[in-house]
Amino acid sequence: MRIYRHKLVRYAREMRKNMTEEERKLWYVCLVKLPVKFVRQREFGDYIVDFYCAERKLAIEIDGTQHFETAGEKYDLKRDEFLNRQGITVVRYSNLQIHREFEAVKADILQRLGLE
């Protein structure tokens, strides 16, 4: 388990360096400017979440097309159940929502954080 954990941490670090276009947009245009702190690519057990706010126990996921295939949906369900058992709320937005409905995504995040 220790070797696996080390690989997961290394993978999360690599993901922080190579964020997707949609992740970069949400991070730099919205999340870093909020009065609550978010971190990128946070590990929980065997999973990594895109963005996490410990103060509000809120995880934000930006989903590409693979998340809408059967295998991706099953994996996400299992992961979300694990995170929910830890008291973490998971919110998902698609890449398309980031591109086409960015203001609505930002407004939804602010509402969930109680910052509207």
PDB file of N, CA and C in Angstrom:
ATOM      1  N   MET A   1       0.833  -1.201   0.000  1.00  0.00           N
ATOM      2  CA  MET A   1       0.000   0.000   0.000  1.00  0.00           C
ATOM      3  C   MET A   1       0.868   1.251   0.000  1.00  0.00           C
ATOM      4  N   ARG A   2       1.979   1.218   0.706  1.00  0.00           N
ATOM      5  CA  ARG A   2       2.852   2.390   0.795  1.00  0.00           C
ATOM      6  C   ARG A   2       3.400   2.778  -0.588  1.00  0.00           C
ATOM      7  N   ILE A   3       3.808   1.796  -1.385  1.00  0.00           N
ATOM      8  CA  ILE A   3       4.324   2.068  -2.727  1.00  0.00           C
ATOM      9  C   ILE A   3       3.209   2.658  -3.584  1.00  0.00           C
ATOM     10  N   TYR A   4       2.014   2.100  -3.497  1.00  0.00           N
ATOM     11  CA  TYR A   4       0.885   2.611  -4.268  1.00  0.00           C
ATOM     12  C   TYR A   4       0.600   4.057  -3.889  1.00  0.00           C
ATOM     13  N   ARG A   5       0.604   4.354  -2.604  1.00  0.00           N
ATOM     14  CA  ARG A   5       0.333   5.714  -2.124  1.00  0.00           C
ATOM     15  C   ARG A   5       1.370   6.681  -2.685  1.00  0.00           C
ATOM     16  N   HIS A   6       2.627   6.272  -2.693  1.00  0.00           N
ATOM     17  CA  HIS A   6       3.694   7.116  -3.235  1.00  0.00           C
ATOM     18  C   HIS A   6       3.444   7.403  -4.718  1.00  0.00           C
ATOM     19  N   LYS A   7       3.027   6.397  -5.457  1.00  0.00           N
ATOM     20  CA  LYS A   7       2.733   6.585  -6.885  1.00  0.00           C
ATOM     21  C   LYS A   7       1.549   7.517  -7.082  1.00  0.00           C
ATOM     22  N   LEU A   8       0.545   7.406  -6.211  1.00  0.00           N
ATOM     23  CA  LEU A   8      -0.635   8.262  -6.309  1.00  0.00           C
ATOM     24  C   LEU A   8      -0.261   9.725  -6.058  1.00  0.00           C
ATOM     25  N   VAL A   9       0.573   9.970  -5.060  1.00  0.00           N
ATOM     26  CA  VAL A   9       1.022  11.333  -4.760  1.00  0.00           C
ATOM     27  C   VAL A   9       1.821  11.889  -5.936  1.00  0.00           C
ATOM     28  N   ARG A  10       2.685  11.064  -6.499  1.00  0.00           N
ATOM     29  CA  ARG A  10       3.485  11.492  -7.656  1.00  0.00           C
ATOM     30  C   ARG A  10       2.571  11.806  -8.847  1.00  0.00           C
ATOM     31  N   TYR A  11       1.556  10.966  -9.068  1.00  0.00           N
ATOM     32  CA  TYR A  11       0.615  11.185 -10.159  1.00  0.00           C
ATOM     33  C   TYR A  11      -0.173  12.483  -9.941  1.00  0.00           C
ATOM     34  N   ALA A  12      -0.613  12.747  -8.721  1.00  0.00           N
ATOM     35  CA  ALA A  12      -1.348  13.984  -8.419  1.00  0.00           C
ATOM     36  C   ALA A  12      -0.461  15.192  -8.685  1.00  0.00           C
ATOM     37  N   ARG A  13       0.801  15.112  -8.307  1.00  0.00           N
ATOM     38  CA  ARG A  13       1.740  16.215  -8.554  1.00  0.00           C
ATOM     39  C   ARG A  13       1.877  16.467 -10.056  1.00  0.00           C
ATOM     40  N   GLU A  14       1.967  15.394 -10.815  1.00  0.00           N
ATOM     41  CA  GLU A  14       2.073  15.512 -12.275  1.00  0.00           C
ATOM     42  C   GLU A  14       0.799  16.121 -12.861  1.00  0.00           C
ATOM     43  N   MET A  15      -0.352  15.735 -12.331  1.00  0.00           N
ATOM     44  CA  MET A  15      -1.622  16.288 -12.805  1.00  0.00           C
ATOM     45  C   MET A  15      -1.723  17.785 -12.507  1.00  0.00           C
ATOM     46  N   ARG A  16      -1.160  18.228 -11.378  1.00  0.00           N
ATOM     47  CA  ARG A  16      -1.162  19.669 -11.065  1.00  0.00           C
ATOM     48  C   ARG A  16      -0.346  20.449 -12.090  1.00  0.00           C
ATOM     49  N   LYS A  17       0.729  19.849 -12.556  1.00  0.00           N
ATOM     50  CA  LYS A  17       1.582  20.506 -13.547  1.00  0.00           C
ATOM     51  C   LYS A  17       0.939  20.529 -14.928  1.00  0.00           C
ATOM     52  N   ASN A  18       0.074  19.573 -15.201  1.00  0.00           N
ATOM     53  CA  ASN A  18      -0.504  19.409 -16.540  1.00  0.00           C
ATOM     54  C   ASN A  18      -2.026  19.465 -16.505  1.00  0.00           C
ATOM     55  N   MET A  19      -2.575  20.530 -15.933  1.00  0.00           N
ATOM     56  CA  MET A  19      -4.027  20.661 -15.870  1.00  0.00           C
ATOM     57  C   MET A  19      -4.607  20.782 -17.274  1.00  0.00           C
ATOM     58  N   THR A  20      -5.841  20.325 -17.417  1.00  0.00           N
ATOM     59  CA  THR A  20      -6.540  20.496 -18.688  1.00  0.00           C
ATOM     60  C   THR A  20      -6.888  21.973 -18.862  1.00  0.00           C
ATOM     61  N   GLU A  21      -7.255  22.337 -20.056  1.00  0.00           N
ATOM     62  CA  GLU A  21      -7.660  23.716 -20.343  1.00  0.00           C
ATOM     63  C   GLU A  21      -8.817  24.139 -19.431  1.00  0.00           C
ATOM     64  N   GLU A  22      -9.766  23.246 -19.245  1.00  0.00           N
ATOM     65  CA  GLU A  22     -10.945  23.548 -18.435  1.00  0.00           C
ATOM     66  C   GLU A  22     -10.564  23.704 -16.957  1.00  0.00           C
ATOM     67  N   GLU A  23      -9.681  22.838 -16.476  1.00  0.00           N
ATOM     68  CA  GLU A  23      -9.218  22.952 -15.089  1.00  0.00           C
ATOM     69  C   GLU A  23      -8.468  24.262 -14.870  1.00  0.00           C
ATOM     70  N   ARG A  24      -7.607  24.627 -15.814  1.00  0.00           N
ATOM     71  CA  ARG A  24      -6.867  25.895 -15.704  1.00  0.00           C
ATOM     72  C   ARG A  24      -7.816  27.081 -15.648  1.00  0.00           C
ATOM     73  N   LYS A  25      -8.828  27.052 -16.504  1.00  0.00           N
ATOM     74  CA  LYS A  25      -9.784  28.161 -16.524  1.00  0.00           C
ATOM     75  C   LYS A  25     -10.496  28.283 -15.182  1.00  0.00           C
ATOM     76  N   LEU A  26     -11.022  27.189 -14.668  1.00  0.00           N
ATOM     77  CA  LEU A  26     -11.739  27.250 -13.394  1.00  0.00           C
ATOM     78  C   LEU A  26     -10.799  27.677 -12.268  1.00  0.00           C
ATOM     79  N   TRP A  27      -9.592  27.160 -12.257  1.00  0.00           N
ATOM     80  CA  TRP A  27      -8.627  27.468 -11.207  1.00  0.00           C
ATOM     81  C   TRP A  27      -8.232  28.948 -11.225  1.00  0.00           C
ATOM     82  N   TYR A  28      -7.753  29.414 -12.365  1.00  0.00           N
ATOM     83  CA  TYR A  28      -7.194  30.765 -12.433  1.00  0.00           C
ATOM     84  C   TYR A  28      -8.243  31.879 -12.521  1.00  0.00           C
ATOM     85  N   VAL A  29      -9.392  31.587 -13.104  1.00  0.00           N
ATOM     86  CA  VAL A  29     -10.409  32.618 -13.270  1.00  0.00           C
ATOM     87  C   VAL A  29     -11.373  32.667 -12.083  1.00  0.00           C
ATOM     88  N   CYS A  30     -11.458  31.580 -11.342  1.00  0.00           N
ATOM     89  CA  CYS A  30     -12.451  31.531 -10.269  1.00  0.00           C
ATOM     90  C   CYS A  30     -11.866  31.122  -8.915  1.00  0.00           C
ATOM     91  N   LEU A  31     -11.394  29.899  -8.800  1.00  0.00           N
ATOM     92  CA  LEU A  31     -11.118  29.321  -7.481  1.00  0.00           C
ATOM     93  C   LEU A  31     -10.019  30.023  -6.696  1.00  0.00           C
ATOM     94  N   VAL A  32      -8.945  30.439  -7.347  1.00  0.00           N
ATOM     95  CA  VAL A  32      -7.854  31.084  -6.591  1.00  0.00           C
ATOM     96  C   VAL A  32      -8.249  32.467  -6.074  1.00  0.00           C
ATOM     97  N   LYS A  33      -9.317  33.024  -6.595  1.00  0.00           N
ATOM     98  CA  LYS A  33      -9.750  34.365  -6.196  1.00  0.00           C
ATOM     99  C   LYS A  33     -10.769  34.352  -5.058  1.00  0.00           C
ATOM    100  N   LEU A  34     -11.201  33.173  -4.653  1.00  0.00           N
ATOM    101  CA  LEU A  34     -12.229  33.075  -3.620  1.00  0.00           C
ATOM    102  C   LEU A  34     -11.630  33.262  -2.227  1.00  0.00           C
ATOM    103  N   PRO A  35     -12.455  33.677  -1.263  1.00  0.00           N
ATOM    104  CA  PRO A  35     -11.960  33.857   0.109  1.00  0.00           C
ATOM    105  C   PRO A  35     -11.774  32.544   0.879  1.00  0.00           C
ATOM    106  N   VAL A  36     -12.159  31.431   0.294  1.00  0.00           N
ATOM    107  CA  VAL A  36     -11.891  30.118   0.891  1.00  0.00           C
ATOM    108  C   VAL A  36     -10.802  29.449   0.063  1.00  0.00           C
ATOM    109  N   LYS A  37     -10.008  28.610   0.713  1.00  0.00           N
ATOM    110  CA  LYS A  37      -8.866  28.005   0.034  1.00  0.00           C
ATOM    111  C   LYS A  37      -9.241  26.682  -0.632  1.00  0.00           C
ATOM    112  N   PHE A  38      -8.867  26.566  -1.897  1.00  0.00           N
ATOM    113  CA  PHE A  38      -8.973  25.323  -2.647  1.00  0.00           C
ATOM    114  C   PHE A  38      -7.564  24.813  -2.932  1.00  0.00           C
ATOM    115  N   VAL A  39      -7.431  23.509  -3.022  1.00  0.00           N
ATOM    116  CA  VAL A  39      -6.193  22.894  -3.479  1.00  0.00           C
ATOM    117  C   VAL A  39      -6.512  22.079  -4.720  1.00  0.00           C
ATOM    118  N   ARG A  40      -5.482  21.854  -5.532  1.00  0.00           N
ATOM    119  CA  ARG A  40      -5.646  21.085  -6.769  1.00  0.00           C
ATOM    120  C   ARG A  40      -5.153  19.656  -6.566  1.00  0.00           C
ATOM    121  N   GLN A  41      -5.850  18.730  -7.218  1.00  0.00           N
ATOM    122  CA  GLN A  41      -5.431  17.328  -7.284  1.00  0.00           C
ATOM    123  C   GLN A  41      -5.111  16.766  -5.908  1.00  0.00           C
ATOM    124  N   ARG A  42      -6.104  16.718  -5.052  1.00  0.00           N
ATOM    125  CA  ARG A  42      -5.964  16.237  -3.668  1.00  0.00           C
ATOM    126  C   ARG A  42      -6.272  14.763  -3.613  1.00  0.00           C
ATOM    127  N   GLU A  43      -5.429  14.005  -2.908  1.00  0.00           N
ATOM    128  CA  GLU A  43      -5.613  12.557  -2.780  1.00  0.00           C
ATOM    129  C   GLU A  43      -6.506  12.241  -1.581  1.00  0.00           C
ATOM    130  N   PHE A  44      -7.401  11.295  -1.781  1.00  0.00           N
ATOM    131  CA  PHE A  44      -8.241  10.733  -0.729  1.00  0.00           C
ATOM    132  C   PHE A  44      -8.274   9.235  -0.943  1.00  0.00           C
ATOM    133  N   GLY A  45      -7.706   8.474  -0.047  1.00  0.00           N
ATOM    134  CA  GLY A  45      -7.668   7.026  -0.220  1.00  0.00           C
ATOM    135  C   GLY A  45      -6.997   6.685  -1.533  1.00  0.00           C
ATOM    136  N   ASP A  46      -7.688   5.957  -2.367  1.00  0.00           N
ATOM    137  CA  ASP A  46      -7.162   5.549  -3.673  1.00  0.00           C
ATOM    138  C   ASP A  46      -7.556   6.512  -4.787  1.00  0.00           C
ATOM    139  N   TYR A  47      -8.097   7.665  -4.444  1.00  0.00           N
ATOM    140  CA  TYR A  47      -8.650   8.573  -5.443  1.00  0.00           C
ATOM    141  C   TYR A  47      -7.997   9.956  -5.383  1.00  0.00           C
ATOM    142  N   ILE A  48      -8.135  10.688  -6.491  1.00  0.00           N
ATOM    143  CA  ILE A  48      -7.677  12.069  -6.583  1.00  0.00           C
ATOM    144  C   ILE A  48      -8.852  12.905  -7.067  1.00  0.00           C
ATOM    145  N   VAL A  49      -9.116  14.022  -6.379  1.00  0.00           N
ATOM    146  CA  VAL A  49     -10.162  14.942  -6.837  1.00  0.00           C
ATOM    147  C   VAL A  49      -9.491  16.148  -7.485  1.00  0.00           C
ATOM    148  N   ASP A  50     -10.163  16.738  -8.455  1.00  0.00           N
ATOM    149  CA  ASP A  50      -9.585  17.867  -9.189  1.00  0.00           C
ATOM    150  C   ASP A  50      -9.316  19.062  -8.273  1.00  0.00           C
ATOM    151  N   PHE A  51     -10.343  19.475  -7.515  1.00  0.00           N
ATOM    152  CA  PHE A  51     -10.215  20.626  -6.625  1.00  0.00           C
ATOM    153  C   PHE A  51     -10.902  20.296  -5.312  1.00  0.00           C
ATOM    154  N   TYR A  52     -10.315  20.764  -4.206  1.00  0.00           N
ATOM    155  CA  TYR A  52     -10.895  20.462  -2.898  1.00  0.00           C
ATOM    156  C   TYR A  52     -10.776  21.652  -1.963  1.00  0.00           C
ATOM    157  N   CYS A  53     -11.886  21.953  -1.276  1.00  0.00           N
ATOM    158  CA  CYS A  53     -11.932  22.981  -0.246  1.00  0.00           C
ATOM    159  C   CYS A  53     -12.183  22.280   1.090  1.00  0.00           C
ATOM    160  N   ALA A  54     -11.142  22.194   1.926  1.00  0.00           N
ATOM    161  CA  ALA A  54     -11.249  21.493   3.207  1.00  0.00           C
ATOM    162  C   ALA A  54     -12.229  22.193   4.147  1.00  0.00           C
ATOM    163  N   GLU A  55     -12.235  23.515   4.121  1.00  0.00           N
ATOM    164  CA  GLU A  55     -13.105  24.288   5.010  1.00  0.00           C
ATOM    165  C   GLU A  55     -14.578  23.948   4.806  1.00  0.00           C
ATOM    166  N   ARG A  56     -14.961  23.678   3.561  1.00  0.00           N
ATOM    167  CA  ARG A  56     -16.365  23.373   3.237  1.00  0.00           C
ATOM    168  C   ARG A  56     -16.575  21.903   2.879  1.00  0.00           C
ATOM    169  N   LYS A  57     -15.493  21.119   2.907  1.00  0.00           N
ATOM    170  CA  LYS A  57     -15.559  19.699   2.540  1.00  0.00           C
ATOM    171  C   LYS A  57     -16.253  19.521   1.183  1.00  0.00           C
ATOM    172  N   LEU A  58     -15.783  20.306   0.212  1.00  0.00           N
ATOM    173  CA  LEU A  58     -16.360  20.319  -1.126  1.00  0.00           C
ATOM    174  C   LEU A  58     -15.297  19.934  -2.143  1.00  0.00           C
ATOM    175  N   ALA A  59     -15.596  18.927  -2.939  1.00  0.00           N
ATOM    176  CA  ALA A  59     -14.729  18.508  -4.044  1.00  0.00           C
ATOM    177  C   ALA A  59     -15.404  18.912  -5.343  1.00  0.00           C
ATOM    178  N   ILE A  60     -14.610  19.476  -6.253  1.00  0.00           N
ATOM    179  CA  ILE A  60     -15.125  19.862  -7.565  1.00  0.00           C
ATOM    180  C   ILE A  60     -14.400  19.039  -8.615  1.00  0.00           C
ATOM    181  N   GLU A  61     -15.182  18.413  -9.476  1.00  0.00           N
ATOM    182  CA  GLU A  61     -14.655  17.593 -10.555  1.00  0.00           C
ATOM    183  C   GLU A  61     -15.031  18.207 -11.894  1.00  0.00           C
ATOM    184  N   ILE A  62     -14.072  18.232 -12.812  1.00  0.00           N
ATOM    185  CA  ILE A  62     -14.317  18.677 -14.180  1.00  0.00           C
ATOM    186  C   ILE A  62     -14.246  17.422 -15.043  1.00  0.00           C
ATOM    187  N   ASP A  63     -15.362  17.054 -15.639  1.00  0.00           N
ATOM    188  CA  ASP A  63     -15.476  15.782 -16.339  1.00  0.00           C
ATOM    189  C   ASP A  63     -15.352  15.912 -17.843  1.00  0.00           C
ATOM    190  N   GLY A  64     -14.427  15.146 -18.397  1.00  0.00           N
ATOM    191  CA  GLY A  64     -14.301  15.009 -19.843  1.00  0.00           C
ATOM    192  C   GLY A  64     -15.206  13.890 -20.328  1.00  0.00           C
ATOM    193  N   THR A  65     -15.115  13.585 -21.602  1.00  0.00           N
ATOM    194  CA  THR A  65     -16.027  12.612 -22.220  1.00  0.00           C
ATOM    195  C   THR A  65     -15.931  11.218 -21.616  1.00  0.00           C
ATOM    196  N   GLN A  66     -14.759  10.812 -21.135  1.00  0.00           N
ATOM    197  CA  GLN A  66     -14.597   9.466 -20.576  1.00  0.00           C
ATOM    198  C   GLN A  66     -15.494   9.250 -19.359  1.00  0.00           C
ATOM    199  N   HIS A  67     -15.895  10.317 -18.692  1.00  0.00           N
ATOM    200  CA  HIS A  67     -16.746  10.192 -17.507  1.00  0.00           C
ATOM    201  C   HIS A  67     -18.188   9.876 -17.873  1.00  0.00           C
ATOM    202  N   PHE A  68     -18.539   9.993 -19.144  1.00  0.00           N
ATOM    203  CA  PHE A  68     -19.906   9.741 -19.579  1.00  0.00           C
ATOM    204  C   PHE A  68     -20.052   8.377 -20.258  1.00  0.00           C
ATOM    205  N   GLU A  69     -18.977   7.597 -20.263  1.00  0.00           N
ATOM    206  CA  GLU A  69     -19.026   6.217 -20.742  1.00  0.00           C
ATOM    207  C   GLU A  69     -19.345   5.316 -19.554  1.00  0.00           C
ATOM    208  N   THR A  70     -19.826   4.116 -19.806  1.00  0.00           N
ATOM    209  CA  THR A  70     -20.268   3.216 -18.744  1.00  0.00           C
ATOM    210  C   THR A  70     -19.176   2.986 -17.700  1.00  0.00           C
ATOM    211  N   ALA A  71     -17.961   2.675 -18.121  1.00  0.00           N
ATOM    212  CA  ALA A  71     -16.868   2.415 -17.174  1.00  0.00           C
ATOM    213  C   ALA A  71     -16.567   3.654 -16.338  1.00  0.00           C
ATOM    214  N   GLY A  72     -16.559   4.811 -16.961  1.00  0.00           N
ATOM    215  CA  GLY A  72     -16.298   6.052 -16.243  1.00  0.00           C
ATOM    216  C   GLY A  72     -17.384   6.380 -15.237  1.00  0.00           C
ATOM    217  N   GLU A  73     -18.620   6.146 -15.621  1.00  0.00           N
ATOM    218  CA  GLU A  73     -19.736   6.404 -14.716  1.00  0.00           C
ATOM    219  C   GLU A  73     -19.681   5.487 -13.500  1.00  0.00           C
ATOM    220  N   LYS A  74     -19.364   4.206 -13.713  1.00  0.00           N
ATOM    221  CA  LYS A  74     -19.251   3.257 -12.595  1.00  0.00           C
ATOM    222  C   LYS A  74     -18.119   3.646 -11.653  1.00  0.00           C
ATOM    223  N   TYR A  75     -16.987   4.028 -12.217  1.00  0.00           N
ATOM    224  CA  TYR A  75     -15.841   4.442 -11.411  1.00  0.00           C
ATOM    225  C   TYR A  75     -16.182   5.686 -10.600  1.00  0.00           C
ATOM    226  N   ASP A  76     -16.806   6.667 -11.252  1.00  0.00           N
ATOM    227  CA  ASP A  76     -17.163   7.908 -10.558  1.00  0.00           C
ATOM    228  C   ASP A  76     -18.162   7.650  -9.437  1.00  0.00           C
ATOM    229  N   LEU A  77     -19.108   6.755  -9.653  1.00  0.00           N
ATOM    230  CA  LEU A  77     -20.091   6.429  -8.632  1.00  0.00           C
ATOM    231  C   LEU A  77     -19.403   5.824  -7.409  1.00  0.00           C
ATOM    232  N   LYS A  78     -18.500   4.884  -7.650  1.00  0.00           N
ATOM    233  CA  LYS A  78     -17.760   4.248  -6.556  1.00  0.00           C
ATOM    234  C   LYS A  78     -16.917   5.277  -5.807  1.00  0.00           C
ATOM    235  N   ARG A  79     -16.249   6.136  -6.541  1.00  0.00           N
ATOM    236  CA  ARG A  79     -15.408   7.169  -5.927  1.00  0.00           C
ATOM    237  C   ARG A  79     -16.251   8.169  -5.145  1.00  0.00           C
ATOM    238  N   ASP A  80     -17.366   8.618  -5.725  1.00  0.00           N
ATOM    239  CA  ASP A  80     -18.234   9.576  -5.036  1.00  0.00           C
ATOM    240  C   ASP A  80     -18.802   8.986  -3.754  1.00  0.00           C
ATOM    241  N   GLU A  81     -19.154   7.697  -3.782  1.00  0.00           N
ATOM    242  CA  GLU A  81     -19.659   7.041  -2.573  1.00  0.00           C
ATOM    243  C   GLU A  81     -18.589   7.029  -1.487  1.00  0.00           C
ATOM    244  N   PHE A  82     -17.350   6.731  -1.861  1.00  0.00           N
ATOM    245  CA  PHE A  82     -16.239   6.746  -0.913  1.00  0.00           C
ATOM    246  C   PHE A  82     -16.077   8.148  -0.318  1.00  0.00           C
ATOM    247  N   LEU A  83     -16.054   9.161  -1.167  1.00  0.00           N
ATOM    248  CA  LEU A  83     -15.873  10.536  -0.702  1.00  0.00           C
ATOM    249  C   LEU A  83     -17.038  10.983   0.171  1.00  0.00           C
ATOM    250  N   ASN A  84     -18.252  10.620  -0.197  1.00  0.00           N
ATOM    251  CA  ASN A  84     -19.427  10.968   0.611  1.00  0.00           C
ATOM    252  C   ASN A  84     -19.342  10.356   2.003  1.00  0.00           C
ATOM    253  N   ARG A  85     -18.813   9.139   2.103  1.00  0.00           N
ATOM    254  CA  ARG A  85     -18.634   8.505   3.415  1.00  0.00           C
ATOM    255  C   ARG A  85     -17.615   9.271   4.266  1.00  0.00           C
ATOM    256  N   GLN A  86     -16.741  10.018   3.633  1.00  0.00           N
ATOM    257  CA  GLN A  86     -15.768  10.848   4.349  1.00  0.00           C
ATOM    258  C   GLN A  86     -16.363  12.219   4.699  1.00  0.00           C
ATOM    259  N   GLY A  87     -17.629  12.424   4.324  1.00  0.00           N
ATOM    260  CA  GLY A  87     -18.293  13.699   4.598  1.00  0.00           C
ATOM    261  C   GLY A  87     -18.032  14.753   3.539  1.00  0.00           C
ATOM    262  N   ILE A  88     -17.530  14.344   2.389  1.00  0.00           N
ATOM    263  CA  ILE A  88     -17.186  15.262   1.311  1.00  0.00           C
ATOM    264  C   ILE A  88     -18.305  15.290   0.274  1.00  0.00           C
ATOM    265  N   THR A  89     -18.729  16.475  -0.088  1.00  0.00           N
ATOM    266  CA  THR A  89     -19.707  16.661  -1.155  1.00  0.00           C
ATOM    267  C   THR A  89     -18.950  16.791  -2.469  1.00  0.00           C
ATOM    268  N   VAL A  90     -19.377  16.051  -3.473  1.00  0.00           N
ATOM    269  CA  VAL A  90     -18.742  16.092  -4.789  1.00  0.00           C
ATOM    270  C   VAL A  90     -19.673  16.796  -5.766  1.00  0.00           C
ATOM    271  N   VAL A  91     -19.131  17.799  -6.453  1.00  0.00           N
ATOM    272  CA  VAL A  91     -19.887  18.537  -7.465  1.00  0.00           C
ATOM    273  C   VAL A  91     -19.170  18.336  -8.789  1.00  0.00           C
ATOM    274  N   ARG A  92     -19.937  18.032  -9.831  1.00  0.00           N
ATOM    275  CA  ARG A  92     -19.354  17.763 -11.137  1.00  0.00           C
ATOM    276  C   ARG A  92     -19.849  18.757 -12.175  1.00  0.00           C
ATOM    277  N   TYR A  93     -18.908  19.198 -12.999  1.00  0.00           N
ATOM    278  CA  TYR A  93     -19.223  20.033 -14.154  1.00  0.00           C
ATOM    279  C   TYR A  93     -18.524  19.405 -15.350  1.00  0.00           C
ATOM    280  N   SER A  94     -19.163  19.450 -16.490  1.00  0.00           N
ATOM    281  CA  SER A  94     -18.549  18.898 -17.697  1.00  0.00           C
ATOM    282  C   SER A  94     -17.626  19.933 -18.335  1.00  0.00           C
ATOM    283  N   ASN A  95     -16.719  19.449 -19.162  1.00  0.00           N
ATOM    284  CA  ASN A  95     -15.871  20.366 -19.940  1.00  0.00           C
ATOM    285  C   ASN A  95     -16.737  21.334 -20.737  1.00  0.00           C
ATOM    286  N   LEU A  96     -17.828  20.820 -21.296  1.00  0.00           N
ATOM    287  CA  LEU A  96     -18.732  21.651 -22.092  1.00  0.00           C
ATOM    288  C   LEU A  96     -19.335  22.780 -21.249  1.00  0.00           C
ATOM    289  N   GLN A  97     -19.711  22.475 -20.015  1.00  0.00           N
ATOM    290  CA  GLN A  97     -20.245  23.522 -19.137  1.00  0.00           C
ATOM    291  C   GLN A  97     -19.192  24.602 -18.863  1.00  0.00           C
ATOM    292  N   ILE A  98     -17.947  24.196 -18.689  1.00  0.00           N
ATOM    293  CA  ILE A  98     -16.876  25.168 -18.450  1.00  0.00           C
ATOM    294  C   ILE A  98     -16.740  26.085 -19.664  1.00  0.00           C
ATOM    295  N   HIS A  99     -16.857  25.519 -20.862  1.00  0.00           N
ATOM    296  CA  HIS A  99     -16.725  26.324 -22.081  1.00  0.00           C
ATOM    297  C   HIS A  99     -17.940  27.201 -22.354  1.00  0.00           C
ATOM    298  N   ARG A 100     -19.137  26.625 -22.210  1.00  0.00           N
ATOM    299  CA  ARG A 100     -20.346  27.332 -22.644  1.00  0.00           C
ATOM    300  C   ARG A 100     -21.117  28.034 -21.544  1.00  0.00           C
ATOM    301  N   GLU A 101     -20.967  27.575 -20.302  1.00  0.00           N
ATOM    302  CA  GLU A 101     -21.791  28.101 -19.200  1.00  0.00           C
ATOM    303  C   GLU A 101     -20.927  28.496 -17.999  1.00  0.00           C
ATOM    304  N   PHE A 102     -19.777  29.096 -18.264  1.00  0.00           N
ATOM    305  CA  PHE A 102     -18.807  29.348 -17.198  1.00  0.00           C
ATOM    306  C   PHE A 102     -19.386  30.233 -16.091  1.00  0.00           C
ATOM    307  N   GLU A 103     -20.110  31.258 -16.445  1.00  0.00           N
ATOM    308  CA  GLU A 103     -20.685  32.141 -15.424  1.00  0.00           C
ATOM    309  C   GLU A 103     -21.674  31.389 -14.541  1.00  0.00           C
ATOM    310  N   ALA A 104     -22.443  30.483 -15.129  1.00  0.00           N
ATOM    311  CA  ALA A 104     -23.383  29.677 -14.348  1.00  0.00           C
ATOM    312  C   ALA A 104     -22.636  28.713 -13.424  1.00  0.00           C
ATOM    313  N   VAL A 105     -21.535  28.148 -13.896  1.00  0.00           N
ATOM    314  CA  VAL A 105     -20.709  27.262 -13.061  1.00  0.00           C
ATOM    315  C   VAL A 105     -20.167  28.055 -11.876  1.00  0.00           C
ATOM    316  N   LYS A 106     -19.616  29.238 -12.142  1.00  0.00           N
ATOM    317  CA  LYS A 106     -19.089  30.078 -11.061  1.00  0.00           C
ATOM    318  C   LYS A 106     -20.183  30.411 -10.052  1.00  0.00           C
ATOM    319  N   ALA A 107     -21.360  30.781 -10.540  1.00  0.00           N
ATOM    320  CA  ALA A 107     -22.471  31.128  -9.653  1.00  0.00           C
ATOM    321  C   ALA A 107     -22.879  29.927  -8.797  1.00  0.00           C
ATOM    322  N   ASP A 108     -22.894  28.738  -9.389  1.00  0.00           N
ATOM    323  CA  ASP A 108     -23.246  27.533  -8.642  1.00  0.00           C
ATOM    324  C   ASP A 108     -22.220  27.254  -7.546  1.00  0.00           C
ATOM    325  N   ILE A 109     -20.941  27.412  -7.852  1.00  0.00           N
ATOM    326  CA  ILE A 109     -19.891  27.198  -6.860  1.00  0.00           C
ATOM    327  C   ILE A 109     -20.034  28.198  -5.720  1.00  0.00           C
ATOM    328  N   LEU A 110     -20.246  29.463  -6.052  1.00  0.00           N
ATOM    329  CA  LEU A 110     -20.423  30.482  -5.008  1.00  0.00           C
ATOM    330  C   LEU A 110     -21.615  30.165  -4.113  1.00  0.00           C
ATOM    331  N   GLN A 111     -22.698  29.710  -4.731  1.00  0.00           N
ATOM    332  CA  GLN A 111     -23.889  29.358  -3.948  1.00  0.00           C
ATOM    333  C   GLN A 111     -23.592  28.187  -3.016  1.00  0.00           C
ATOM    334  N   ARG A 112     -22.933  27.159  -3.514  1.00  0.00           N
ATOM    335  CA  ARG A 112     -22.604  25.990  -2.683  1.00  0.00           C
ATOM    336  C   ARG A 112     -21.676  26.346  -1.538  1.00  0.00           C
ATOM    337  N   LEU A 113     -20.829  27.352  -1.758  1.00  0.00           N
ATOM    338  CA  LEU A 113     -19.908  27.784  -0.707  1.00  0.00           C
ATOM    339  C   LEU A 113     -20.543  28.807   0.244  1.00  0.00           C
ATOM    340  N   GLY A 114     -21.748  29.243  -0.087  1.00  0.00           N
ATOM    341  CA  GLY A 114     -22.418  30.263   0.718  1.00  0.00           C
ATOM    342  C   GLY A 114     -21.798  31.633   0.547  1.00  0.00           C
ATOM    343  N   LEU A 115     -21.253  31.904  -0.644  1.00  0.00           N
ATOM    344  CA  LEU A 115     -20.561  33.162  -0.908  1.00  0.00           C
ATOM    345  C   LEU A 115     -21.293  34.052  -1.904  1.00  0.00           C
ATOM    346  N   GLU A 116     -22.508  33.699  -2.252  1.00  0.00           N
ATOM    347  CA  GLU A 116     -23.228  34.474  -3.258  1.00  0.00           C
ATOM    348  C   GLU A 116     -23.627  35.828  -2.779  1.00  0.00           C
TER     349      GLU A 116
END
